[in-house]
N, C-alpha and C. Protein backbone atom coordinates (compact mmCIF):
# COMPACT_ATOMS: atom_id res chain seq x y z
N MET A 1 50.10 -1.43 -220.69
CA MET A 1 51.15 -2.08 -219.91
C MET A 1 50.62 -3.40 -219.36
N ILE A 2 51.49 -4.39 -219.35
CA ILE A 2 51.13 -5.71 -218.84
C ILE A 2 51.16 -5.67 -217.32
N SER A 3 50.16 -6.27 -216.70
CA SER A 3 50.17 -6.36 -215.25
C SER A 3 50.78 -7.70 -214.85
N LYS A 4 51.21 -7.82 -213.62
CA LYS A 4 51.80 -9.08 -213.14
C LYS A 4 50.82 -10.23 -213.34
N LYS A 5 49.56 -9.96 -213.13
CA LYS A 5 48.53 -10.98 -213.22
C LYS A 5 48.38 -11.54 -214.64
N ASP A 6 48.70 -10.74 -215.66
CA ASP A 6 48.56 -11.17 -217.04
C ASP A 6 49.89 -11.56 -217.69
N ASP A 7 50.98 -11.41 -216.96
CA ASP A 7 52.29 -11.62 -217.53
C ASP A 7 52.55 -13.11 -217.76
N GLU A 8 53.42 -13.40 -218.72
CA GLU A 8 53.77 -14.77 -219.02
C GLU A 8 55.02 -15.19 -218.27
N ASP A 9 55.04 -16.44 -217.86
CA ASP A 9 56.21 -17.03 -217.23
C ASP A 9 57.20 -17.36 -218.35
N GLU A 10 58.38 -16.78 -218.27
CA GLU A 10 59.38 -16.94 -219.34
C GLU A 10 59.80 -18.40 -219.51
N ILE A 11 59.78 -19.17 -218.46
CA ILE A 11 60.15 -20.59 -218.55
C ILE A 11 58.99 -21.39 -219.15
N LYS A 12 57.79 -21.20 -218.60
CA LYS A 12 56.64 -21.98 -219.08
C LYS A 12 56.29 -21.66 -220.54
N LYS A 13 56.57 -20.46 -221.00
CA LYS A 13 56.20 -20.12 -222.38
C LYS A 13 57.13 -20.76 -223.41
N ARG A 14 58.21 -21.40 -222.94
CA ARG A 14 59.10 -22.12 -223.86
C ARG A 14 58.52 -23.46 -224.26
N LYS A 15 57.35 -23.79 -223.72
CA LYS A 15 56.60 -25.00 -224.10
C LYS A 15 57.32 -26.31 -223.74
N TYR A 16 58.02 -26.30 -222.58
CA TYR A 16 58.62 -27.53 -222.10
C TYR A 16 57.52 -28.52 -221.75
N ARG A 17 57.84 -29.80 -221.77
CA ARG A 17 56.88 -30.81 -221.35
C ARG A 17 56.58 -30.62 -219.86
N LYS A 18 55.37 -30.97 -219.49
CA LYS A 18 54.90 -30.84 -218.11
C LYS A 18 55.86 -31.54 -217.14
N GLU A 19 56.34 -32.73 -217.48
CA GLU A 19 57.24 -33.49 -216.62
C GLU A 19 58.54 -32.73 -216.39
N TYR A 20 59.02 -32.05 -217.44
CA TYR A 20 60.26 -31.30 -217.32
C TYR A 20 60.07 -30.10 -216.38
N LEU A 21 58.93 -29.41 -216.50
CA LEU A 21 58.65 -28.28 -215.60
C LEU A 21 58.63 -28.75 -214.15
N ILE A 22 58.03 -29.90 -213.93
CA ILE A 22 57.96 -30.45 -212.57
C ILE A 22 59.37 -30.80 -212.09
N THR A 23 60.20 -31.36 -212.96
CA THR A 23 61.60 -31.65 -212.61
C THR A 23 62.34 -30.37 -212.26
N MET A 24 62.02 -29.27 -212.96
CA MET A 24 62.69 -27.98 -212.72
C MET A 24 62.20 -27.30 -211.45
N GLY A 25 61.18 -27.85 -210.78
CA GLY A 25 60.76 -27.29 -209.50
C GLY A 25 59.32 -26.80 -209.45
N TYR A 26 58.64 -26.75 -210.58
CA TYR A 26 57.23 -26.36 -210.56
C TYR A 26 56.42 -27.47 -209.91
N LYS A 27 55.51 -27.11 -209.04
CA LYS A 27 54.65 -28.07 -208.36
C LYS A 27 53.21 -27.79 -208.75
N GLU A 28 52.50 -28.83 -209.15
CA GLU A 28 51.11 -28.63 -209.58
C GLU A 28 50.22 -28.10 -208.46
N VAL A 29 50.63 -28.31 -207.23
CA VAL A 29 49.87 -27.77 -206.10
C VAL A 29 49.88 -26.24 -206.14
N TYR A 30 51.00 -25.65 -206.60
CA TYR A 30 51.18 -24.21 -206.57
C TYR A 30 51.19 -23.57 -207.95
N SER A 31 51.38 -24.36 -209.00
CA SER A 31 51.54 -23.81 -210.34
C SER A 31 50.59 -24.48 -211.33
N ASN A 32 50.12 -23.70 -212.29
CA ASN A 32 49.37 -24.26 -213.40
C ASN A 32 50.37 -24.53 -214.52
N VAL A 33 50.87 -25.77 -214.59
CA VAL A 33 51.89 -26.09 -215.58
C VAL A 33 51.32 -26.22 -216.99
N ASN A 34 50.00 -26.12 -217.13
CA ASN A 34 49.37 -26.18 -218.44
C ASN A 34 49.14 -24.79 -219.02
N SER A 35 49.51 -23.76 -218.28
CA SER A 35 49.31 -22.37 -218.69
C SER A 35 50.65 -21.65 -218.67
N THR A 36 50.82 -20.70 -219.58
CA THR A 36 52.06 -19.91 -219.60
C THR A 36 51.95 -18.67 -218.71
N THR A 37 50.80 -18.45 -218.10
CA THR A 37 50.61 -17.29 -217.23
C THR A 37 51.45 -17.43 -215.97
N MET A 38 51.99 -16.32 -215.53
CA MET A 38 52.82 -16.29 -214.32
C MET A 38 51.97 -16.70 -213.11
N ASP A 39 52.51 -17.58 -212.30
CA ASP A 39 51.82 -17.99 -211.07
C ASP A 39 51.92 -16.89 -210.03
N ASN A 40 50.91 -16.78 -209.17
CA ASN A 40 50.88 -15.70 -208.17
C ASN A 40 52.07 -15.70 -207.23
N TRP A 41 52.60 -16.88 -206.90
CA TRP A 41 53.72 -16.98 -205.96
C TRP A 41 55.04 -16.54 -206.58
N ASN A 42 55.13 -16.50 -207.90
CA ASN A 42 56.39 -16.29 -208.60
C ASN A 42 56.71 -14.80 -208.69
N MET A 43 57.68 -14.35 -207.91
CA MET A 43 58.08 -12.95 -207.94
C MET A 43 58.99 -12.71 -209.14
N HIS A 44 58.70 -11.68 -209.88
CA HIS A 44 59.48 -11.38 -211.07
C HIS A 44 59.25 -9.94 -211.48
N THR A 45 60.05 -9.49 -212.43
CA THR A 45 59.75 -8.19 -213.03
C THR A 45 58.86 -8.46 -214.23
N ILE A 46 58.03 -7.53 -214.55
CA ILE A 46 57.12 -7.69 -215.67
C ILE A 46 57.91 -7.65 -216.97
N SER A 47 57.57 -8.55 -217.89
CA SER A 47 58.27 -8.64 -219.16
C SER A 47 58.29 -7.31 -219.88
N LYS A 48 59.42 -7.02 -220.48
CA LYS A 48 59.64 -5.81 -221.28
C LYS A 48 59.47 -4.51 -220.49
N HIS A 49 59.51 -4.62 -219.17
CA HIS A 49 59.41 -3.43 -218.32
C HIS A 49 60.79 -3.16 -217.75
N LYS A 50 61.38 -2.07 -218.13
CA LYS A 50 62.75 -1.76 -217.69
C LYS A 50 62.74 -1.23 -216.25
N ILE A 51 63.75 -1.63 -215.51
CA ILE A 51 63.93 -1.18 -214.14
C ILE A 51 65.21 -0.36 -214.08
N SER A 52 65.11 0.81 -213.56
CA SER A 52 66.28 1.67 -213.42
C SER A 52 67.23 1.06 -212.40
N SER A 53 68.53 1.07 -212.72
CA SER A 53 69.51 0.50 -211.79
C SER A 53 69.50 1.22 -210.45
N SER A 54 69.03 2.46 -210.42
CA SER A 54 68.98 3.18 -209.15
C SER A 54 67.92 2.59 -208.21
N LYS A 55 67.00 1.79 -208.75
CA LYS A 55 65.95 1.18 -207.93
C LYS A 55 66.34 -0.21 -207.44
N ILE A 56 67.49 -0.71 -207.87
CA ILE A 56 67.93 -2.03 -207.46
C ILE A 56 68.88 -1.90 -206.28
N LYS A 57 68.59 -2.65 -205.25
CA LYS A 57 69.42 -2.57 -204.04
C LYS A 57 69.89 -3.96 -203.65
N LEU A 58 71.03 -4.00 -203.05
CA LEU A 58 71.57 -5.25 -202.54
C LEU A 58 70.78 -5.65 -201.29
N CYS A 59 70.41 -6.89 -201.23
CA CYS A 59 69.62 -7.38 -200.10
C CYS A 59 70.52 -7.58 -198.89
N TYR A 60 70.10 -7.03 -197.76
CA TYR A 60 70.83 -7.25 -196.52
C TYR A 60 69.84 -7.25 -195.36
N LEU A 61 70.28 -7.80 -194.28
CA LEU A 61 69.43 -7.94 -193.10
C LEU A 61 70.27 -7.67 -191.87
N GLU A 62 69.87 -6.66 -191.11
CA GLU A 62 70.58 -6.30 -189.88
C GLU A 62 72.09 -6.22 -190.11
N ASN A 63 72.47 -5.50 -191.15
CA ASN A 63 73.87 -5.26 -191.52
C ASN A 63 74.60 -6.50 -192.01
N SER A 64 73.89 -7.56 -192.37
CA SER A 64 74.53 -8.76 -192.91
C SER A 64 74.08 -8.94 -194.36
N TYR A 65 75.05 -9.22 -195.21
CA TYR A 65 74.78 -9.51 -196.61
C TYR A 65 74.88 -11.01 -196.88
N ARG A 66 75.13 -11.80 -195.83
CA ARG A 66 75.32 -13.24 -195.98
C ARG A 66 73.99 -13.92 -196.31
N LEU A 67 74.02 -14.74 -197.35
CA LEU A 67 72.83 -15.46 -197.77
C LEU A 67 72.31 -16.35 -196.64
N LYS A 68 73.21 -16.95 -195.90
CA LYS A 68 72.81 -17.82 -194.79
C LYS A 68 71.96 -17.06 -193.77
N ASP A 69 72.36 -15.86 -193.43
CA ASP A 69 71.59 -15.05 -192.47
C ASP A 69 70.21 -14.70 -193.01
N ILE A 70 70.17 -14.38 -194.29
CA ILE A 70 68.89 -14.02 -194.92
C ILE A 70 67.97 -15.24 -194.99
N PHE A 71 68.53 -16.41 -195.39
CA PHE A 71 67.73 -17.64 -195.42
C PHE A 71 67.21 -17.99 -194.03
N GLU A 72 68.05 -17.91 -193.04
CA GLU A 72 67.62 -18.24 -191.68
C GLU A 72 66.48 -17.34 -191.24
N PHE A 73 66.56 -16.05 -191.55
CA PHE A 73 65.48 -15.13 -191.22
C PHE A 73 64.20 -15.52 -191.95
N MET A 74 64.34 -15.84 -193.24
CA MET A 74 63.16 -16.23 -194.03
C MET A 74 62.50 -17.48 -193.47
N ILE A 75 63.31 -18.48 -193.13
CA ILE A 75 62.77 -19.74 -192.62
C ILE A 75 62.02 -19.52 -191.31
N GLN A 76 62.59 -18.69 -190.44
CA GLN A 76 61.97 -18.44 -189.14
C GLN A 76 60.73 -17.55 -189.24
N ASN A 77 60.60 -16.80 -190.32
CA ASN A 77 59.52 -15.81 -190.42
C ASN A 77 58.59 -16.03 -191.60
N THR A 78 58.47 -17.27 -192.04
CA THR A 78 57.56 -17.54 -193.14
C THR A 78 56.61 -18.66 -192.78
N ASP A 79 55.46 -18.66 -193.41
CA ASP A 79 54.54 -19.78 -193.24
C ASP A 79 54.45 -20.58 -194.54
N LEU A 80 55.38 -20.33 -195.47
CA LEU A 80 55.42 -21.10 -196.71
C LEU A 80 55.84 -22.54 -196.42
N ASP A 81 55.26 -23.45 -197.14
CA ASP A 81 55.58 -24.86 -196.99
C ASP A 81 56.78 -25.17 -197.88
N ILE A 82 57.97 -24.75 -197.45
CA ILE A 82 59.19 -24.90 -198.25
C ILE A 82 59.47 -26.36 -198.56
N GLU A 83 59.20 -27.23 -197.61
CA GLU A 83 59.48 -28.66 -197.80
C GLU A 83 58.74 -29.22 -199.01
N ASN A 84 57.49 -28.83 -199.19
CA ASN A 84 56.70 -29.35 -200.31
C ASN A 84 56.70 -28.42 -201.52
N MET A 85 56.93 -27.16 -201.30
CA MET A 85 56.88 -26.20 -202.41
C MET A 85 58.17 -26.20 -203.21
N CYS A 86 59.28 -26.39 -202.55
CA CYS A 86 60.57 -26.32 -203.23
C CYS A 86 61.54 -27.34 -202.63
N GLU A 87 61.45 -28.56 -203.15
CA GLU A 87 62.27 -29.64 -202.61
C GLU A 87 63.76 -29.35 -202.70
N ASP A 88 64.18 -28.76 -203.83
CA ASP A 88 65.61 -28.49 -204.01
C ASP A 88 66.13 -27.51 -202.96
N LEU A 89 65.38 -26.43 -202.72
CA LEU A 89 65.78 -25.47 -201.70
C LEU A 89 65.77 -26.14 -200.33
N ASN A 90 64.75 -26.92 -200.05
CA ASN A 90 64.66 -27.61 -198.77
C ASN A 90 65.86 -28.54 -198.57
N ASN A 91 66.21 -29.31 -199.60
CA ASN A 91 67.36 -30.22 -199.50
C ASN A 91 68.66 -29.45 -199.33
N TYR A 92 68.77 -28.32 -200.01
CA TYR A 92 69.97 -27.48 -199.86
C TYR A 92 70.09 -26.99 -198.42
N LEU A 93 69.00 -26.50 -197.87
CA LEU A 93 69.01 -25.99 -196.50
C LEU A 93 69.38 -27.08 -195.51
N ILE A 94 68.85 -28.28 -195.74
CA ILE A 94 69.18 -29.42 -194.86
C ILE A 94 70.66 -29.75 -194.99
N SER A 95 71.18 -29.78 -196.24
CA SER A 95 72.59 -30.13 -196.45
C SER A 95 73.53 -29.14 -195.81
N ARG A 96 73.09 -27.90 -195.67
CA ARG A 96 73.91 -26.85 -195.05
C ARG A 96 73.61 -26.70 -193.57
N LYS A 97 72.81 -27.64 -193.05
CA LYS A 97 72.42 -27.64 -191.64
C LYS A 97 71.74 -26.33 -191.24
N MET A 98 70.92 -25.82 -192.15
CA MET A 98 70.20 -24.58 -191.89
C MET A 98 68.74 -24.89 -191.55
N LYS A 99 68.38 -26.13 -191.58
CA LYS A 99 67.00 -26.51 -191.30
C LYS A 99 66.98 -27.78 -190.49
């Protein structure tokens, strides 16, 4: 069985140019864009590993299913550098006055 550490990133293994990966949101500070190996920060299911639908749950927080509530909780309770790690998400949050 493939472990997360050895798994391939489905996007990076398509052999896109480095510039395109960076445009899509990969940052060289956090990602090895020259390797198809999954980056440690990238949460995913392992390739070819089936997940039973009974193990999939809808994400909610304190009885709220609203994405805005979940994002606000994440922003207040994370030490991730969202501004530099994910510009698109950061800009979205700013545009929605969530940051």
